[in-house]
């Protein structure tokens, strides 16, 4: 068994691990508002989301193709590696980028920060690409057009659509009995949240499919032309679909809590309007192959639902902290990806790949252990949000006589 093949195996395993973290990190994008309003019980919500993420992963490969071509320039138009690029270096580059994405996902999950898994992945790949290939190794035109521009526009577009939708919903339903109105919109939320989950599967699972395909291109087992002619190998689609579904079922309760309780006190009409807006935008972006952040879309929609509801209070301080996290995501993941590549390259070969793999495993374990100090789960995810303080992860707050966990 060659060194390249072993590193390829590590890349595939790590890519599926990233897909898993993507699932539990982003569950809140689809289900936070439904859980917050009581439309779905927490465990029912994440189970439904997992099933629909699994189904959604089979619906399209446009975003996967974007990832193989529009982030790194490691292959020529005919599908081979660029001149002078050693396959081992190319695989180590991809491997390092994945580690950057995973560790940022876990760090933001620990803080309950709804950051973009997609941008964490792209940041890690860009950082590793800069460290290994220099500026010329990054497809800057693709990054700007398919990643940065959608990232800047998505929250505002989603917010505007959700604000208008929420205002219309309250206007239309203004004469209805509140109890019956809310019950009807809770049923509506089941449908719209399901659609967001389906849309999430069509977008985010594909990003990992694209990374695995990129690794196979680097190894010489696959070509861009082969993907365009025959599509992705079925095993890639199935494994990525299962990984993101399992992660979604685990439930990223810390992030769900922030989205469901931290931004706006959501009522069922707002929840349905926010989810419908998110689903429409995510599905549209997937159709055009844009690697959109579902987190940015969902957060923008939730904020828009607060703006659109008369008299609603939006916690702009919490939103501001999220925006800071979004701005840090690409550069922070890039630094980790670049550092991992430098270390792996300095050690060399399989030993270097194993070294950064062990670093990822140990760091991930430490983050998980830290999260256990103050557990957030389906039992306390809907506890009251104390907006007066911003604790570090693991702190607990007091609201009256009830202990409230902030994540």
Protein backbone atom coordinates (compact mmCIF):
# COMPACT_ATOMS: atom_id res chain seq x y z
CA UNK A 1 0.00 0.00 0.00
CA UNK A 2 1.53 3.29 -1.09
CA UNK A 3 1.90 6.39 1.04
CA UNK A 4 -0.43 8.28 -1.30
CA UNK A 5 -3.18 5.68 -0.87
CA UNK A 6 -2.92 5.80 2.93
CA UNK A 7 -3.09 9.59 2.95
CA UNK A 8 -6.07 9.41 0.58
CA UNK A 9 -7.79 7.12 3.07
CA UNK A 10 -7.10 9.60 5.89
CA UNK A 11 -8.51 12.40 3.74
CA UNK A 12 -11.72 10.49 3.04
CA UNK A 13 -12.20 9.61 6.73
CA UNK A 14 -11.53 13.22 7.76
CA UNK A 15 -13.87 14.56 5.06
CA UNK A 16 -16.67 12.37 6.39
CA UNK A 17 -15.84 13.56 9.92
CA UNK A 18 -16.19 17.14 8.67
CA UNK A 19 -19.52 16.21 7.08
CA UNK A 20 -20.63 14.82 10.44
CA UNK A 21 -19.69 18.05 12.26
CA UNK A 22 -21.44 20.01 9.52
CA UNK A 23 -24.61 18.06 10.28
CA UNK A 24 -24.79 18.72 13.99
CA UNK A 25 -23.42 22.26 13.67
CA UNK A 26 -26.14 23.23 11.18
CA UNK A 27 -29.19 21.38 12.54
CA UNK A 28 -30.36 24.63 14.07
CA UNK A 29 -30.59 26.28 10.66
CA UNK A 30 -33.61 24.14 9.89
CA UNK A 31 -35.08 23.26 13.26
CA UNK A 32 -34.24 25.95 15.83
CA UNK A 33 -37.41 27.99 15.26
CA UNK A 34 -39.67 24.92 15.22
CA UNK A 35 -38.19 23.74 18.51
CA UNK A 36 -38.44 27.23 20.02
CA UNK A 37 -42.14 27.61 19.16
CA UNK A 38 -43.07 24.07 20.17
CA UNK A 39 -44.04 23.06 16.64
CA UNK A 40 -41.83 20.01 17.00
CA UNK A 41 -40.38 18.27 20.03
CA UNK A 42 -36.57 18.50 20.06
CA UNK A 43 -35.83 14.83 19.37
CA UNK A 44 -38.56 14.60 16.73
CA UNK A 45 -37.16 17.71 15.04
CA UNK A 46 -33.59 16.42 14.71
CA UNK A 47 -34.80 12.99 13.57
CA UNK A 48 -36.94 14.52 10.83
CA UNK A 49 -34.09 16.83 9.82
CA UNK A 50 -31.66 13.91 9.62
CA UNK A 51 -33.92 11.93 7.31
CA UNK A 52 -34.48 14.89 5.00
CA UNK A 53 -30.78 15.79 4.92
CA UNK A 54 -30.14 12.22 3.83
CA UNK A 55 -32.69 12.51 1.02
CA UNK A 56 -31.52 15.98 -0.02
CA UNK A 57 -27.95 14.83 -0.52
CA UNK A 58 -29.07 12.74 -3.51
CA UNK A 59 -30.91 15.52 -5.33
CA UNK A 60 -28.08 17.52 -6.92
CA UNK A 61 -24.29 17.65 -7.48
CA UNK A 62 -23.93 21.22 -8.73
CA UNK A 63 -22.32 22.50 -5.52
CA UNK A 64 -19.93 19.51 -5.43
CA UNK A 65 -18.71 20.43 -8.90
CA UNK A 66 -18.19 24.02 -7.72
CA UNK A 67 -15.94 22.83 -4.88
CA UNK A 68 -13.74 20.78 -7.24
CA UNK A 69 -13.12 23.71 -9.60
CA UNK A 70 -13.72 27.06 -7.92
CA UNK A 71 -11.63 27.02 -4.73
CA UNK A 72 -8.20 25.54 -5.49
CA UNK A 73 -6.26 25.36 -8.76
CA UNK A 74 -4.62 21.98 -8.44
CA UNK A 75 -5.88 20.41 -11.66
CA UNK A 76 -5.55 21.25 -15.34
CA UNK A 77 -8.58 21.48 -17.67
CA UNK A 78 -8.07 17.87 -18.76
CA UNK A 79 -8.29 16.69 -15.13
CA UNK A 80 -4.62 16.12 -14.29
CA UNK A 81 -2.58 17.81 -11.57
CA UNK A 82 -0.92 21.10 -12.39
CA UNK A 83 2.65 20.80 -13.56
CA UNK A 84 5.13 20.05 -10.79
CA UNK A 85 2.53 19.31 -8.09
CA UNK A 86 3.28 16.07 -6.31
CA UNK A 87 0.15 13.99 -5.49
CA UNK A 88 1.28 13.58 -1.88
CA UNK A 89 1.54 17.36 -1.50
CA UNK A 90 -1.89 17.85 -3.07
CA UNK A 91 -3.48 15.29 -0.75
CA UNK A 92 -1.78 16.79 2.31
CA UNK A 93 -3.07 20.20 1.25
CA UNK A 94 -6.68 18.96 1.12
CA UNK A 95 -6.20 17.05 4.38
CA UNK A 96 -4.91 20.17 6.16
CA UNK A 97 -7.80 22.26 4.89
CA UNK A 98 -10.32 19.76 6.24
CA UNK A 99 -8.69 19.88 9.69
CA UNK A 100 -8.98 23.66 9.68
CA UNK A 101 -12.69 23.37 8.91
CA UNK A 102 -13.39 20.71 11.54
CA UNK A 103 -11.62 22.51 14.38
CA UNK A 104 -13.37 25.81 13.64
CA UNK A 105 -16.72 23.98 13.53
CA UNK A 106 -16.07 22.43 16.92
CA UNK A 107 -14.79 25.64 18.48
CA UNK A 108 -17.83 27.65 17.38
CA UNK A 109 -20.15 24.83 18.43
CA UNK A 110 -18.61 24.98 21.92
CA UNK A 111 -19.51 28.66 22.11
CA UNK A 112 -22.94 28.05 20.61
CA UNK A 113 -21.99 30.34 17.73
CA UNK A 114 -23.91 29.76 14.48
CA UNK A 115 -20.97 30.15 12.09
CA UNK A 116 -20.70 28.82 8.56
CA UNK A 117 -19.43 25.25 8.17
CA UNK A 118 -19.05 25.96 4.47
CA UNK A 119 -16.79 28.94 5.01
CA UNK A 120 -14.80 27.03 7.61
CA UNK A 121 -14.12 24.37 4.99
CA UNK A 122 -13.26 26.88 2.27
CA UNK A 123 -11.08 28.87 4.67
CA UNK A 124 -9.13 25.76 5.63
CA UNK A 125 -8.60 24.83 1.98
CA UNK A 126 -7.59 28.36 1.02
CA UNK A 127 -5.09 28.60 3.89
CA UNK A 128 -3.54 25.24 3.07
CA UNK A 129 -3.48 26.21 -0.62
CA UNK A 130 -1.63 29.44 0.13
CA UNK A 131 0.88 27.61 2.33
CA UNK A 132 1.59 24.96 -0.32
CA UNK A 133 1.06 26.61 -3.71
CA UNK A 134 1.13 30.31 -2.98
CA UNK A 135 -1.33 32.90 -4.25
CA UNK A 136 -1.49 31.23 -7.66
CA UNK A 137 -2.91 28.05 -6.10
CA UNK A 138 -6.24 29.66 -5.20
CA UNK A 139 -8.99 30.30 -7.75
CA UNK A 140 -9.66 33.85 -6.58
CA UNK A 141 -12.29 34.55 -9.23
CA UNK A 142 -14.26 31.46 -8.16
CA UNK A 143 -13.86 32.30 -4.47
CA UNK A 144 -15.18 35.81 -4.97
CA UNK A 145 -18.07 34.90 -7.29
CA UNK A 146 -19.23 31.65 -5.71
CA UNK A 147 -18.34 32.18 -2.03
CA UNK A 148 -17.64 35.76 -0.89
CA UNK A 149 -20.34 37.62 -2.83
CA UNK A 150 -23.10 35.15 -1.83
CA UNK A 151 -21.83 35.30 1.77
CA UNK A 152 -22.21 39.07 1.84
CA UNK A 153 -25.60 39.18 0.15
CA UNK A 154 -27.34 36.11 1.58
CA UNK A 155 -28.13 37.39 5.12
CA UNK A 156 -29.53 40.68 3.81
CA UNK A 157 -31.64 39.06 1.09
CA UNK A 158 -32.93 36.41 3.51
CA UNK A 159 -33.66 39.06 6.13
CA UNK A 160 -35.59 41.24 3.71
CA UNK A 161 -37.63 38.33 2.35
CA UNK A 162 -38.42 37.08 5.88
CA UNK A 163 -39.31 40.58 7.12
CA UNK A 164 -41.77 41.12 4.27
CA UNK A 165 -43.19 37.62 4.67
CA UNK A 166 -43.62 38.05 8.43
CA UNK A 167 -45.32 41.42 8.06
CA UNK A 168 -47.73 39.98 5.49
CA UNK A 169 -48.49 36.95 7.66
CA UNK A 170 -49.40 39.10 10.66
CA UNK A 171 -51.42 41.44 8.46
CA UNK A 172 -53.43 38.60 6.92
CA UNK A 173 -53.97 36.82 10.25
CA UNK A 174 -54.60 39.92 12.37
CA UNK A 175 -58.25 39.08 13.02
CA UNK A 176 -57.73 35.42 13.87
CA UNK A 177 -57.91 33.96 17.35
CA UNK A 178 -54.33 33.78 18.53
CA UNK A 179 -54.55 30.25 19.87
CA UNK A 180 -55.92 28.83 16.63
CA UNK A 181 -53.61 31.03 14.56
CA UNK A 182 -50.49 29.81 16.32
CA UNK A 183 -51.57 26.18 16.11
CA UNK A 184 -52.08 26.50 12.37
CA UNK A 185 -48.70 28.10 11.86
CA UNK A 186 -47.04 25.39 13.96
CA UNK A 187 -48.33 22.86 11.44
CA UNK A 188 -47.02 25.10 8.70
CA UNK A 189 -43.62 25.16 10.41
CA UNK A 190 -43.38 21.38 10.17
CA UNK A 191 -43.57 21.70 6.40
CA UNK A 192 -41.23 24.68 6.03
CA UNK A 193 -38.64 23.30 8.46
CA UNK A 194 -38.69 20.03 6.53
CA UNK A 195 -38.05 21.95 3.33
CA UNK A 196 -35.06 23.73 4.89
CA UNK A 197 -33.62 20.37 5.96
CA UNK A 198 -34.06 19.01 2.47
CA UNK A 199 -32.41 22.13 1.05
CA UNK A 200 -29.53 21.83 3.52
CA UNK A 201 -28.84 18.30 2.32
CA UNK A 202 -28.73 19.45 -1.30
CA UNK A 203 -26.14 22.09 -0.47
CA UNK A 204 -23.91 21.14 2.45
CA UNK A 205 -23.51 17.40 1.88
CA UNK A 206 -22.31 18.21 -1.62
CA UNK A 207 -19.45 20.33 -0.31
CA UNK A 208 -17.90 17.29 1.31
CA UNK A 209 -18.59 15.26 -1.83
CA UNK A 210 -16.63 17.88 -3.75
CA UNK A 211 -13.68 17.67 -1.35
CA UNK A 212 -13.50 13.88 -1.62
CA UNK A 213 -13.72 14.19 -5.41
CA UNK A 214 -10.89 16.74 -5.31
CA UNK A 215 -8.78 14.28 -3.30
CA UNK A 216 -9.46 11.55 -5.85
CA UNK A 217 -8.42 13.95 -8.62
CA UNK A 218 -5.19 14.64 -6.74
CA UNK A 219 -4.61 10.91 -6.37
CA UNK A 220 -5.32 10.33 -10.06
CA UNK A 221 -8.37 8.13 -9.47
CA UNK A 222 -10.87 10.62 -10.87
CA UNK A 223 -10.96 13.50 -13.34
CA UNK A 224 -13.04 16.64 -13.74
CA UNK A 225 -14.10 15.41 -17.15
CA UNK A 226 -15.20 12.12 -15.63
CA UNK A 227 -17.38 13.96 -13.09
CA UNK A 228 -18.94 16.09 -15.82
CA UNK A 229 -19.63 13.04 -18.01
CA UNK A 230 -20.64 10.41 -15.46
CA UNK A 231 -21.29 12.29 -12.23
CA UNK A 232 -19.79 11.49 -8.86
CA UNK A 233 -19.11 7.87 -7.89
CA UNK A 234 -22.15 6.57 -5.98
CA UNK A 235 -20.11 5.61 -2.91
CA UNK A 236 -19.15 9.26 -2.38
CA UNK A 237 -22.77 10.40 -2.50
CA UNK A 238 -24.01 7.64 -0.18
CA UNK A 239 -21.24 8.03 2.42
CA UNK A 240 -21.58 11.82 2.57
CA UNK A 241 -25.37 11.60 2.81
CA UNK A 242 -25.15 9.15 5.72
CA UNK A 243 -22.46 11.19 7.53
CA UNK A 244 -24.39 14.47 7.44
CA UNK A 245 -27.60 12.69 8.45
CA UNK A 246 -25.93 11.08 11.47
CA UNK A 247 -24.47 14.43 12.53
CA UNK A 248 -27.86 16.08 12.16
CA UNK A 249 -29.52 13.40 14.29
CA UNK A 250 -26.98 14.03 17.05
CA UNK A 251 -28.38 17.55 17.31
CA UNK A 252 -26.17 20.60 17.75
CA UNK A 253 -28.11 21.75 20.79
CA UNK A 254 -25.76 24.58 21.69
CA UNK A 255 -26.25 26.25 18.31
CA UNK A 256 -29.96 25.40 18.21
CA UNK A 257 -30.35 27.25 21.51
CA UNK A 258 -28.66 30.40 20.21
CA UNK A 259 -30.69 30.52 17.01
CA UNK A 260 -33.99 29.58 18.63
CA UNK A 261 -33.80 31.67 21.80
CA UNK A 262 -30.94 34.15 21.46
CA UNK A 263 -31.89 36.33 18.50
CA UNK A 264 -35.66 36.82 18.73
CA UNK A 265 -38.46 35.46 20.89
CA UNK A 266 -40.10 33.64 18.00
CA UNK A 267 -43.81 33.01 17.55
CA UNK A 268 -45.13 30.39 15.08
CA UNK A 269 -45.99 32.88 12.29
CA UNK A 270 -42.45 34.26 12.42
CA UNK A 271 -40.98 30.78 12.45
CA UNK A 272 -42.87 29.71 9.35
CA UNK A 273 -41.95 32.90 7.48
CA UNK A 274 -38.25 32.54 8.39
CA UNK A 275 -38.10 28.88 7.39
CA UNK A 276 -39.92 29.43 4.10
CA UNK A 277 -37.52 32.26 3.22
CA UNK A 278 -34.47 30.15 4.07
CA UNK A 279 -35.65 27.17 2.03
CA UNK A 280 -36.37 29.26 -1.06
CA UNK A 281 -32.96 30.94 -1.02
CA UNK A 282 -30.94 27.79 -0.26
CA UNK A 283 -32.65 25.73 -2.98
CA UNK A 284 -32.15 28.53 -5.52
CA UNK A 285 -28.44 28.83 -4.70
CA UNK A 286 -27.94 25.06 -4.92
CA UNK A 287 -29.54 25.03 -8.37
CA UNK A 288 -26.99 27.58 -9.59
CA UNK A 289 -24.04 25.84 -7.89
CA UNK A 290 -23.37 28.63 -5.38
CA UNK A 291 -21.78 27.35 -2.17
CA UNK A 292 -24.06 29.41 0.05
CA UNK A 293 -23.85 29.33 3.82
CA UNK A 294 -27.10 27.96 5.21
CA UNK A 295 -26.16 29.52 8.56
CA UNK A 296 -26.02 33.01 7.06
CA UNK A 297 -29.36 32.47 5.35
CA UNK A 298 -31.11 31.04 8.41
CA UNK A 299 -29.76 33.74 10.72
CA UNK A 300 -30.76 36.48 8.30
CA UNK A 301 -34.26 35.00 8.03
CA UNK A 302 -34.69 34.79 11.81
CA UNK A 303 -33.57 38.42 12.23
CA UNK A 304 -35.91 39.43 9.41
CA UNK A 305 -38.80 37.71 11.15
CA UNK A 306 -38.09 39.88 14.20
CA UNK A 307 -37.96 43.05 12.13
CA UNK A 308 -41.19 42.17 10.33
CA UNK A 309 -43.24 41.46 13.47
CA UNK A 310 -44.78 44.57 15.01
CA UNK A 311 -43.36 45.18 18.48
CA UNK A 312 -40.82 42.35 18.37
CA UNK A 313 -37.48 42.73 20.14
CA UNK A 314 -34.37 41.76 18.21
CA UNK A 315 -31.22 41.12 20.25
CA UNK A 316 -28.78 42.97 18.04
CA UNK A 317 -25.94 42.38 20.49
CA UNK A 318 -26.20 38.62 19.94
CA UNK A 319 -26.46 39.21 16.19
CA UNK A 320 -23.34 41.37 16.32
CA UNK A 321 -21.34 38.61 17.99
CA UNK A 322 -22.47 36.24 15.26
CA UNK A 323 -21.29 38.65 12.56
CA UNK A 324 -17.88 38.87 14.23
CA UNK A 325 -17.73 35.07 14.16
CA UNK A 326 -18.66 35.07 10.49
CA UNK A 327 -15.88 37.54 9.68
CA UNK A 328 -13.36 35.41 11.57
CA UNK A 329 -14.40 32.08 10.06
CA UNK A 330 -12.47 32.18 6.78
CA UNK A 331 -9.22 33.63 8.17
CA UNK A 332 -9.25 31.53 11.36
CA UNK A 333 -9.82 28.27 9.50
CA UNK A 334 -7.23 29.37 6.93
CA UNK A 335 -4.60 29.87 9.64
CA UNK A 336 -5.25 26.38 11.05
CA UNK A 337 -5.22 24.84 7.58
CA UNK A 338 -1.96 26.59 6.68
CA UNK A 339 -0.32 25.65 9.98
CA UNK A 340 -1.30 22.01 9.59
CA UNK A 341 0.16 21.89 6.09
CA UNK A 342 3.42 23.50 7.23
CA UNK A 343 3.80 20.97 10.06
CA UNK A 344 2.89 17.98 7.87
CA UNK A 345 5.22 19.11 5.09
CA UNK A 346 8.08 19.74 7.53
CA UNK A 347 7.78 16.23 8.97
CA UNK A 348 7.18 14.78 5.53
CA UNK A 349 5.25 11.93 3.94
CA UNK A 350 2.94 9.65 5.88
CA UNK A 351 4.43 10.65 9.26
CA UNK A 352 3.45 14.25 8.64
CA UNK A 353 -0.12 13.29 7.72
CA UNK A 354 -0.44 11.07 10.80
CA UNK A 355 0.91 13.87 13.01
CA UNK A 356 -1.75 16.38 11.98
CA UNK A 357 -4.43 13.69 12.12
CA UNK A 358 -3.51 12.99 15.76
CA UNK A 359 -3.49 16.73 16.46
CA UNK A 360 -7.04 16.94 15.12
CA UNK A 361 -8.22 13.95 17.19
CA UNK A 362 -6.68 15.22 20.45
CA UNK A 363 -7.94 18.78 19.99
CA UNK A 364 -11.43 17.57 19.10
CA UNK A 365 -11.49 15.36 22.19
CA UNK A 366 -10.46 18.28 24.43
CA UNK A 367 -13.22 20.49 23.00
CA UNK A 368 -15.79 17.75 23.52
CA UNK A 369 -14.66 17.21 27.13
CA UNK A 370 -14.90 20.95 27.77
CA UNK A 371 -18.46 20.98 26.46
CA UNK A 372 -19.48 18.33 29.00
CA UNK A 373 -18.82 20.75 31.89
CA UNK A 374 -22.17 22.39 31.18
CA UNK A 375 -24.25 20.20 28.95
CA UNK A 376 -26.86 21.58 26.58
CA UNK A 377 -29.35 19.03 25.28
CA UNK A 378 -32.97 18.56 24.29
CA UNK A 379 -34.06 18.98 27.90
CA UNK A 380 -32.76 22.53 28.43
CA UNK A 381 -32.44 23.87 24.89
CA UNK A 382 -35.58 26.03 25.34
CA UNK A 383 -34.68 27.53 28.73
CA UNK A 384 -35.12 31.29 29.00
CA UNK A 385 -32.37 33.39 27.43
CA UNK A 386 -30.71 35.93 29.71
CA UNK A 387 -29.64 38.70 27.36
CA UNK A 388 -27.94 40.76 30.03
CA UNK A 389 -24.71 38.80 30.05
CA UNK A 390 -22.42 37.01 27.66
CA UNK A 391 -20.82 34.10 29.50
CA UNK A 392 -18.06 31.90 28.30
CA UNK A 393 -19.07 28.38 27.31
CA UNK A 394 -19.73 26.28 30.35
CA UNK A 395 -20.98 29.17 32.47
CA UNK A 396 -24.49 29.02 33.84
CA UNK A 397 -26.82 31.93 34.46
CA UNK A 398 -29.62 32.45 36.89
CA UNK A 399 -33.01 33.61 35.72
CA UNK A 400 -35.17 33.87 38.79
CA UNK A 401 -34.81 30.53 40.51
CA UNK A 402 -34.09 28.58 37.34
CA UNK A 403 -30.59 27.81 36.19
CA UNK A 404 -30.24 28.68 32.54
CA UNK A 405 -27.56 27.17 30.38
CA UNK A 406 -25.96 29.40 27.79
CA UNK A 407 -24.18 27.71 24.95
